[in-house]
Each structure stands twice: as structure tokens, then as C-alpha cells.
Amino acid sequence: MNLITQVETTYLRSSRTIEKLELFDNNKKMICYIYNYEGNHYRFFESQNSLEAFFKYGNEPKLSFENEFDLDTYLLKKKIEA
């Protein structure tokens, strides 16, 4: 199971944020980004480039979640590549 550390939170508006997270498991780590839209919709980005493409070009990420529980479950179990 992964350890999740919140690195930074950027507030776009009071109800819209971008969270930069570090996932860590067995000496492997990765940085990911979550766009939280009003606490109702969470988009998961594996890189800053994919996050920027979402805002610049509207490219939707491969994964999104409609509640925080499902997002947290995914983050805790996400396989981290070496």
C-alpha cells in the first residue's frame, strides 16, 4: 500500500484546486496531480505535462473519480513503476 504525501496545493478558486502528491512504496516514488473540481469531480494526472494539456487544450485524463473515497482507494493501490 502506498504512502501519500501532499506536496503542494494550488487554489484556482475557492472550490477548485490542484494538488501535487507524492506516492511512495518500497523505495519507489512518483509525483502526480489531482484537479479537484468543487469536491464533486477529481481528475488524475500522472505528469505536469498532461495537467497542462488539460488546461491548454482540454485533453481529458484517462482517469477521473466522482468521489474522494474512490480516488484515495486508487492512490493507495496504484502500482508505482521503477
PDB file of N, CA and C in Angstrom:
ATOM      1  N   MET A   1       0.843  -1.175   0.000  1.00  0.00           N
ATOM      2  CA  MET A   1       0.000   0.000   0.000  1.00  0.00           C
ATOM      3  C   MET A   1       0.890   1.242   0.000  1.00  0.00           C
ATOM      4  N   ASN A   2       0.518   2.227  -0.766  1.00  0.00           N
ATOM      5  CA  ASN A   2       1.317   3.441  -0.932  1.00  0.00           C
ATOM      6  C   ASN A   2       1.152   4.400   0.235  1.00  0.00           C
ATOM      7  N   LEU A   3       2.191   5.134   0.475  1.00  0.00           N
ATOM      8  CA  LEU A   3       2.148   6.269   1.379  1.00  0.00           C
ATOM      9  C   LEU A   3       1.928   7.496   0.500  1.00  0.00           C
ATOM     10  N   ILE A   4       0.961   8.333   0.866  1.00  0.00           N
ATOM     11  CA  ILE A   4       0.616   9.513   0.074  1.00  0.00           C
ATOM     12  C   ILE A   4       0.992  10.755   0.855  1.00  0.00           C
ATOM     13  N   THR A   5       1.780  11.634   0.230  1.00  0.00           N
ATOM     14  CA  THR A   5       2.178  12.889   0.854  1.00  0.00           C
ATOM     15  C   THR A   5       1.734  14.040  -0.035  1.00  0.00           C
ATOM     16  N   GLN A   6       1.033  14.971   0.553  1.00  0.00           N
ATOM     17  CA  GLN A   6       0.628  16.162  -0.198  1.00  0.00           C
ATOM     18  C   GLN A   6       1.809  17.124  -0.221  1.00  0.00           C
ATOM     19  N   VAL A   7       2.280  17.452  -1.408  1.00  0.00           N
ATOM     20  CA  VAL A   7       3.447  18.301  -1.581  1.00  0.00           C
ATOM     21  C   VAL A   7       3.040  19.768  -1.657  1.00  0.00           C
ATOM     22  N   GLU A   8       1.961  20.031  -2.403  1.00  0.00           N
ATOM     23  CA  GLU A   8       1.556  21.415  -2.636  1.00  0.00           C
ATOM     24  C   GLU A   8       0.084  21.451  -3.047  1.00  0.00           C
ATOM     25  N   THR A   9      -0.596  22.513  -2.675  1.00  0.00           N
ATOM     26  CA  THR A   9      -1.962  22.752  -3.124  1.00  0.00           C
ATOM     27  C   THR A   9      -2.037  24.144  -3.727  1.00  0.00           C
ATOM     28  N   THR A  10      -2.556  24.216  -4.951  1.00  0.00           N
ATOM     29  CA  THR A  10      -2.744  25.489  -5.632  1.00  0.00           C
ATOM     30  C   THR A  10      -4.243  25.740  -5.745  1.00  0.00           C
ATOM     31  N   TYR A  11      -4.676  26.896  -5.251  1.00  0.00           N
ATOM     32  CA  TYR A  11      -6.087  27.257  -5.315  1.00  0.00           C
ATOM     33  C   TYR A  11      -6.346  28.090  -6.564  1.00  0.00           C
ATOM     34  N   LEU A  12      -7.143  27.537  -7.479  1.00  0.00           N
ATOM     35  CA  LEU A  12      -7.532  28.270  -8.673  1.00  0.00           C
ATOM     36  C   LEU A  12      -8.719  29.175  -8.357  1.00  0.00           C
ATOM     37  N   ARG A  13      -9.619  28.648  -7.566  1.00  0.00           N
ATOM     38  CA  ARG A  13     -10.762  29.348  -6.976  1.00  0.00           C
ATOM     39  C   ARG A  13     -10.975  28.687  -5.624  1.00  0.00           C
ATOM     40  N   SER A  14     -11.870  29.201  -4.847  1.00  0.00           N
ATOM     41  CA  SER A  14     -12.063  28.621  -3.513  1.00  0.00           C
ATOM     42  C   SER A  14     -12.511  27.163  -3.562  1.00  0.00           C
ATOM     43  N   SER A  15     -13.182  26.756  -4.633  1.00  0.00           N
ATOM     44  CA  SER A  15     -13.679  25.386  -4.728  1.00  0.00           C
ATOM     45  C   SER A  15     -13.003  24.567  -5.832  1.00  0.00           C
ATOM     46  N   ARG A  16     -11.884  25.060  -6.351  1.00  0.00           N
ATOM     47  CA  ARG A  16     -11.135  24.334  -7.382  1.00  0.00           C
ATOM     48  C   ARG A  16      -9.655  24.389  -7.053  1.00  0.00           C
ATOM     49  N   THR A  17      -9.064  23.207  -6.932  1.00  0.00           N
ATOM     50  CA  THR A  17      -7.656  23.143  -6.549  1.00  0.00           C
ATOM     51  C   THR A  17      -6.894  22.157  -7.430  1.00  0.00           C
ATOM     52  N   ILE A  18      -5.589  22.332  -7.428  1.00  0.00           N
ATOM     53  CA  ILE A  18      -4.679  21.348  -7.997  1.00  0.00           C
ATOM     54  C   ILE A  18      -3.785  20.899  -6.854  1.00  0.00           C
ATOM     55  N   GLU A  19      -3.796  19.601  -6.595  1.00  0.00           N
ATOM     56  CA  GLU A  19      -2.947  19.048  -5.548  1.00  0.00           C
ATOM     57  C   GLU A  19      -1.798  18.287  -6.188  1.00  0.00           C
ATOM     58  N   LYS A  20      -0.612  18.577  -5.726  1.00  0.00           N
ATOM     59  CA  LYS A  20       0.577  17.837  -6.152  1.00  0.00           C
ATOM     60  C   LYS A  20       0.859  16.827  -5.049  1.00  0.00           C
ATOM     61  N   LEU A  21       0.861  15.540  -5.406  1.00  0.00           N
ATOM     62  CA  LEU A  21       1.038  14.472  -4.435  1.00  0.00           C
ATOM     63  C   LEU A  21       2.265  13.638  -4.768  1.00  0.00           C
ATOM     64  N   GLU A  22       2.869  13.095  -3.729  1.00  0.00           N
ATOM     65  CA  GLU A  22       3.948  12.124  -3.901  1.00  0.00           C
ATOM     66  C   GLU A  22       3.440  10.787  -3.382  1.00  0.00           C
ATOM     67  N   LEU A  23       3.539   9.767  -4.232  1.00  0.00           N
ATOM     68  CA  LEU A  23       3.196   8.405  -3.841  1.00  0.00           C
ATOM     69  C   LEU A  23       4.496   7.660  -3.624  1.00  0.00           C
ATOM     70  N   PHE A  24       4.560   6.917  -2.525  1.00  0.00           N
ATOM     71  CA  PHE A  24       5.805   6.233  -2.175  1.00  0.00           C
ATOM     72  C   PHE A  24       5.494   4.806  -1.745  1.00  0.00           C
ATOM     73  N   ASP A  25       6.262   3.846  -2.286  1.00  0.00           N
ATOM     74  CA  ASP A  25       6.119   2.445  -1.896  1.00  0.00           C
ATOM     75  C   ASP A  25       7.408   1.698  -2.209  1.00  0.00           C
ATOM     76  N   ASN A  26       7.961   1.038  -1.207  1.00  0.00           N
ATOM     77  CA  ASN A  26       9.162   0.201  -1.389  1.00  0.00           C
ATOM     78  C   ASN A  26      10.281   0.913  -2.137  1.00  0.00           C
ATOM     79  N   ASN A  27      10.657   2.081  -1.675  1.00  0.00           N
ATOM     80  CA  ASN A  27      11.738   2.874  -2.253  1.00  0.00           C
ATOM     81  C   ASN A  27      11.468   3.361  -3.680  1.00  0.00           C
ATOM     82  N   LYS A  28      10.236   3.273  -4.125  1.00  0.00           N
ATOM     83  CA  LYS A  28       9.842   3.831  -5.417  1.00  0.00           C
ATOM     84  C   LYS A  28       8.876   4.967  -5.136  1.00  0.00           C
ATOM     85  N   LYS A  29       9.011   6.035  -5.908  1.00  0.00           N
ATOM     86  CA  LYS A  29       8.082   7.142  -5.718  1.00  0.00           C
ATOM     87  C   LYS A  29       7.699   7.753  -7.054  1.00  0.00           C
ATOM     88  N   MET A  30       6.579   8.440  -7.025  1.00  0.00           N
ATOM     89  CA  MET A  30       6.125   9.157  -8.210  1.00  0.00           C
ATOM     90  C   MET A  30       5.381  10.402  -7.748  1.00  0.00           C
ATOM     91  N   ILE A  31       5.388  11.394  -8.617  1.00  0.00           N
ATOM     92  CA  ILE A  31       4.628  12.619  -8.389  1.00  0.00           C
ATOM     93  C   ILE A  31       3.408  12.557  -9.304  1.00  0.00           C
ATOM     94  N   CYS A  32       2.256  12.938  -8.780  1.00  0.00           N
ATOM     95  CA  CYS A  32       1.050  13.011  -9.587  1.00  0.00           C
ATOM     96  C   CYS A  32       0.277  14.267  -9.200  1.00  0.00           C
ATOM     97  N   TYR A  33      -0.739  14.574  -9.989  1.00  0.00           N
ATOM     98  CA  TYR A  33      -1.514  15.795  -9.795  1.00  0.00           C
ATOM     99  C   TYR A  33      -3.000  15.453  -9.810  1.00  0.00           C
ATOM    100  N   ILE A  34      -3.748  16.088  -8.934  1.00  0.00           N
ATOM    101  CA  ILE A  34      -5.192  15.906  -8.860  1.00  0.00           C
ATOM    102  C   ILE A  34      -5.851  17.266  -9.045  1.00  0.00           C
ATOM    103  N   TYR A  35      -6.745  17.343 -10.019  1.00  0.00           N
ATOM    104  CA  TYR A  35      -7.550  18.549 -10.184  1.00  0.00           C
ATOM    105  C   TYR A  35      -8.878  18.274  -9.494  1.00  0.00           C
ATOM    106  N   ASN A  36      -9.142  19.004  -8.433  1.00  0.00           N
ATOM    107  CA  ASN A  36     -10.355  18.857  -7.638  1.00  0.00           C
ATOM    108  C   ASN A  36     -11.333  19.935  -8.078  1.00  0.00           C
ATOM    109  N   TYR A  37     -12.402  19.505  -8.728  1.00  0.00           N
ATOM    110  CA  TYR A  37     -13.417  20.436  -9.207  1.00  0.00           C
ATOM    111  C   TYR A  37     -14.606  20.420  -8.251  1.00  0.00           C
ATOM    112  N   GLU A  38     -14.646  21.395  -7.377  1.00  0.00           N
ATOM    113  CA  GLU A  38     -15.744  21.627  -6.449  1.00  0.00           C
ATOM    114  C   GLU A  38     -16.072  20.439  -5.554  1.00  0.00           C
ATOM    115  N   GLY A  39     -15.104  19.580  -5.306  1.00  0.00           N
ATOM    116  CA  GLY A  39     -15.320  18.437  -4.431  1.00  0.00           C
ATOM    117  C   GLY A  39     -16.249  17.383  -5.008  1.00  0.00           C
ATOM    118  N   ASN A  40     -16.608  17.541  -6.281  1.00  0.00           N
ATOM    119  CA  ASN A  40     -17.530  16.605  -6.937  1.00  0.00           C
ATOM    120  C   ASN A  40     -16.865  15.767  -8.015  1.00  0.00           C
ATOM    121  N   HIS A  41     -15.724  16.222  -8.483  1.00  0.00           N
ATOM    122  CA  HIS A  41     -15.066  15.544  -9.598  1.00  0.00           C
ATOM    123  C   HIS A  41     -13.550  15.707  -9.440  1.00  0.00           C
ATOM    124  N   TYR A  42     -12.851  14.593  -9.518  1.00  0.00           N
ATOM    125  CA  TYR A  42     -11.403  14.583  -9.334  1.00  0.00           C
ATOM    126  C   TYR A  42     -10.764  13.991 -10.578  1.00  0.00           C
ATOM    127  N   ARG A  43      -9.857  14.736 -11.191  1.00  0.00           N
ATOM    128  CA  ARG A  43      -9.136  14.242 -12.359  1.00  0.00           C
ATOM    129  C   ARG A  43      -7.705  13.925 -11.938  1.00  0.00           C
ATOM    130  N   PHE A  44      -7.216  12.764 -12.376  1.00  0.00           N
ATOM    131  CA  PHE A  44      -5.885  12.277 -12.012  1.00  0.00           C
ATOM    132  C   PHE A  44      -4.940  12.445 -13.194  1.00  0.00           C
ATOM    133  N   PHE A  45      -3.792  13.083 -12.943  1.00  0.00           N
ATOM    134  CA  PHE A  45      -2.768  13.295 -13.971  1.00  0.00           C
ATOM    135  C   PHE A  45      -1.445  12.724 -13.487  1.00  0.00           C
ATOM    136  N   GLU A  46      -0.793  11.946 -14.343  1.00  0.00           N
ATOM    137  CA  GLU A  46       0.483  11.340 -13.979  1.00  0.00           C
ATOM    138  C   GLU A  46       1.672  12.255 -14.215  1.00  0.00           C
ATOM    139  N   SER A  47       1.451  13.368 -14.885  1.00  0.00           N
ATOM    140  CA  SER A  47       2.569  14.279 -15.149  1.00  0.00           C
ATOM    141  C   SER A  47       2.069  15.715 -15.203  1.00  0.00           C
ATOM    142  N   GLN A  48       2.993  16.629 -15.035  1.00  0.00           N
ATOM    143  CA  GLN A  48       2.660  18.043 -15.134  1.00  0.00           C
ATOM    144  C   GLN A  48       2.281  18.383 -16.577  1.00  0.00           C
ATOM    145  N   ASN A  49       2.918  17.723 -17.539  1.00  0.00           N
ATOM    146  CA  ASN A  49       2.601  17.967 -18.951  1.00  0.00           C
ATOM    147  C   ASN A  49       1.151  17.604 -19.270  1.00  0.00           C
ATOM    148  N   SER A  50       0.671  16.487 -18.752  1.00  0.00           N
ATOM    149  CA  SER A  50      -0.713  16.092 -19.021  1.00  0.00           C
ATOM    150  C   SER A  50      -1.691  17.041 -18.324  1.00  0.00           C
ATOM    151  N   LEU A  51      -1.328  17.541 -17.162  1.00  0.00           N
ATOM    152  CA  LEU A  51      -2.153  18.536 -16.478  1.00  0.00           C
ATOM    153  C   LEU A  51      -2.232  19.824 -17.300  1.00  0.00           C
ATOM    154  N   GLU A  52      -1.086  20.277 -17.792  1.00  0.00           N
ATOM    155  CA  GLU A  52      -1.051  21.487 -18.613  1.00  0.00           C
ATOM    156  C   GLU A  52      -1.842  21.307 -19.903  1.00  0.00           C
ATOM    157  N   ALA A  53      -1.788  20.120 -20.511  1.00  0.00           N
ATOM    158  CA  ALA A  53      -2.543  19.850 -21.741  1.00  0.00           C
ATOM    159  C   ALA A  53      -4.047  19.898 -21.473  1.00  0.00           C
ATOM    160  N   PHE A  54      -4.458  19.501 -20.287  1.00  0.00           N
ATOM    161  CA  PHE A  54      -5.874  19.580 -19.918  1.00  0.00           C
ATOM    162  C   PHE A  54      -6.340  21.034 -19.911  1.00  0.00           C
ATOM    163  N   PHE A  55      -5.564  21.900 -19.269  1.00  0.00           N
ATOM    164  CA  PHE A  55      -5.965  23.303 -19.181  1.00  0.00           C
ATOM    165  C   PHE A  55      -5.781  24.058 -20.502  1.00  0.00           C
ATOM    166  N   LYS A  56      -4.763  23.682 -21.265  1.00  0.00           N
ATOM    167  CA  LYS A  56      -4.468  24.388 -22.509  1.00  0.00           C
ATOM    168  C   LYS A  56      -5.362  23.937 -23.668  1.00  0.00           C
ATOM    169  N   TYR A  57      -5.528  22.607 -23.801  1.00  0.00           N
ATOM    170  CA  TYR A  57      -6.203  22.056 -24.971  1.00  0.00           C
ATOM    171  C   TYR A  57      -7.481  21.282 -24.647  1.00  0.00           C
ATOM    172  N   GLY A  58      -7.774  21.128 -23.362  1.00  0.00           N
ATOM    173  CA  GLY A  58      -8.976  20.377 -22.975  1.00  0.00           C
ATOM    174  C   GLY A  58      -8.810  18.874 -23.043  1.00  0.00           C
ATOM    175  N   ASN A  59      -7.557  18.393 -23.107  1.00  0.00           N
ATOM    176  CA  ASN A  59      -7.309  16.949 -23.149  1.00  0.00           C
ATOM    177  C   ASN A  59      -7.702  16.326 -21.817  1.00  0.00           C
ATOM    178  N   GLU A  60      -8.710  15.480 -21.825  1.00  0.00           N
ATOM    179  CA  GLU A  60      -9.168  14.823 -20.603  1.00  0.00           C
ATOM    180  C   GLU A  60      -8.168  13.735 -20.198  1.00  0.00           C
ATOM    181  N   PRO A  61      -7.969  13.559 -18.895  1.00  0.00           N
ATOM    182  CA  PRO A  61      -7.082  12.490 -18.435  1.00  0.00           C
ATOM    183  C   PRO A  61      -7.757  11.131 -18.606  1.00  0.00           C
ATOM    184  N   LYS A  62      -6.969  10.067 -18.521  1.00  0.00           N
ATOM    185  CA  LYS A  62      -7.507   8.716 -18.642  1.00  0.00           C
ATOM    186  C   LYS A  62      -8.357   8.347 -17.430  1.00  0.00           C
ATOM    187  N   LEU A  63      -8.043   8.934 -16.269  1.00  0.00           N
ATOM    188  CA  LEU A  63      -8.749   8.585 -15.043  1.00  0.00           C
ATOM    189  C   LEU A  63      -9.387   9.789 -14.391  1.00  0.00           C
ATOM    190  N   SER A  64     -10.618   9.610 -13.953  1.00  0.00           N
ATOM    191  CA  SER A  64     -11.282  10.623 -13.149  1.00  0.00           C
ATOM    192  C   SER A  64     -12.198   9.900 -12.163  1.00  0.00           C
ATOM    193  N   PHE A  65     -12.518  10.573 -11.085  1.00  0.00           N
ATOM    194  CA  PHE A  65     -13.283   9.978  -9.999  1.00  0.00           C
ATOM    195  C   PHE A  65     -14.369  10.947  -9.562  1.00  0.00           C
ATOM    196  N   GLU A  66     -15.497  10.402  -9.148  1.00  0.00           N
ATOM    197  CA  GLU A  66     -16.615  11.241  -8.733  1.00  0.00           C
ATOM    198  C   GLU A  66     -16.708  11.415  -7.234  1.00  0.00           C
ATOM    199  N   ASN A  67     -15.809  10.764  -6.498  1.00  0.00           N
ATOM    200  CA  ASN A  67     -15.777  10.983  -5.050  1.00  0.00           C
ATOM    201  C   ASN A  67     -14.372  10.748  -4.528  1.00  0.00           C
ATOM    202  N   GLU A  68     -14.098  11.326  -3.389  1.00  0.00           N
ATOM    203  CA  GLU A  68     -12.758  11.278  -2.810  1.00  0.00           C
ATOM    204  C   GLU A  68     -12.383   9.878  -2.336  1.00  0.00           C
ATOM    205  N   PHE A  69     -13.364   9.103  -1.899  1.00  0.00           N
ATOM    206  CA  PHE A  69     -13.091   7.741  -1.440  1.00  0.00           C
ATOM    207  C   PHE A  69     -12.505   6.892  -2.564  1.00  0.00           C
ATOM    208  N   ASP A  70     -13.123   6.927  -3.748  1.00  0.00           N
ATOM    209  CA  ASP A  70     -12.620   6.146  -4.884  1.00  0.00           C
ATOM    210  C   ASP A  70     -11.233   6.619  -5.307  1.00  0.00           C
ATOM    211  N   LEU A  71     -11.010   7.926  -5.288  1.00  0.00           N
ATOM    212  CA  LEU A  71      -9.690   8.474  -5.609  1.00  0.00           C
ATOM    213  C   LEU A  71      -8.648   7.969  -4.617  1.00  0.00           C
ATOM    214  N   ASP A  72      -8.940   8.083  -3.333  1.00  0.00           N
ATOM    215  CA  ASP A  72      -7.988   7.638  -2.309  1.00  0.00           C
ATOM    216  C   ASP A  72      -7.692   6.152  -2.416  1.00  0.00           C
ATOM    217  N   THR A  73      -8.720   5.349  -2.688  1.00  0.00           N
ATOM    218  CA  THR A  73      -8.526   3.904  -2.859  1.00  0.00           C
ATOM    219  C   THR A  73      -7.576   3.632  -4.019  1.00  0.00           C
ATOM    220  N   TYR A  74      -7.785   4.336  -5.122  1.00  0.00           N
ATOM    221  CA  TYR A  74      -6.906   4.171  -6.287  1.00  0.00           C
ATOM    222  C   TYR A  74      -5.466   4.571  -5.950  1.00  0.00           C
ATOM    223  N   LEU A  75      -5.290   5.722  -5.306  1.00  0.00           N
ATOM    224  CA  LEU A  75      -3.943   6.206  -4.982  1.00  0.00           C
ATOM    225  C   LEU A  75      -3.206   5.263  -4.041  1.00  0.00           C
ATOM    226  N   LEU A  76      -3.912   4.711  -3.084  1.00  0.00           N
ATOM    227  CA  LEU A  76      -3.278   3.785  -2.143  1.00  0.00           C
ATOM    228  C   LEU A  76      -2.804   2.501  -2.816  1.00  0.00           C
ATOM    229  N   LYS A  77      -3.484   2.079  -3.875  1.00  0.00           N
ATOM    230  CA  LYS A  77      -3.163   0.810  -4.533  1.00  0.00           C
ATOM    231  C   LYS A  77      -2.417   0.977  -5.850  1.00  0.00           C
ATOM    232  N   LYS A  78      -2.223   2.204  -6.317  1.00  0.00           N
ATOM    233  CA  LYS A  78      -1.580   2.446  -7.601  1.00  0.00           C
ATOM    234  C   LYS A  78      -0.187   1.833  -7.647  1.00  0.00           C
ATOM    235  N   LYS A  79       0.080   1.087  -8.692  1.00  0.00           N
ATOM    236  CA  LYS A  79       1.414   0.499  -8.880  1.00  0.00           C
ATOM    237  C   LYS A  79       2.369   1.593  -9.319  1.00  0.00           C
ATOM    238  N   ILE A  80       3.468   1.697  -8.621  1.00  0.00           N
ATOM    239  CA  ILE A  80       4.481   2.697  -8.933  1.00  0.00           C
ATOM    240  C   ILE A  80       5.611   2.020  -9.709  1.00  0.00           C
ATOM    241  N   GLU A  81       5.842   2.528 -10.900  1.00  0.00           N
ATOM    242  CA  GLU A  81       6.887   1.961 -11.754  1.00  0.00           C
ATOM    243  C   GLU A  81       8.257   2.453 -11.285  1.00  0.00           C
ATOM    244  N   ALA A  82       9.263   1.628 -11.507  1.00  0.00           N
ATOM    245  CA  ALA A  82      10.637   1.981 -11.093  1.00  0.00           C
ATOM    246  C   ALA A  82      11.224   3.051 -11.973  1.00  0.00           C
TER     247      ALA A  82
END
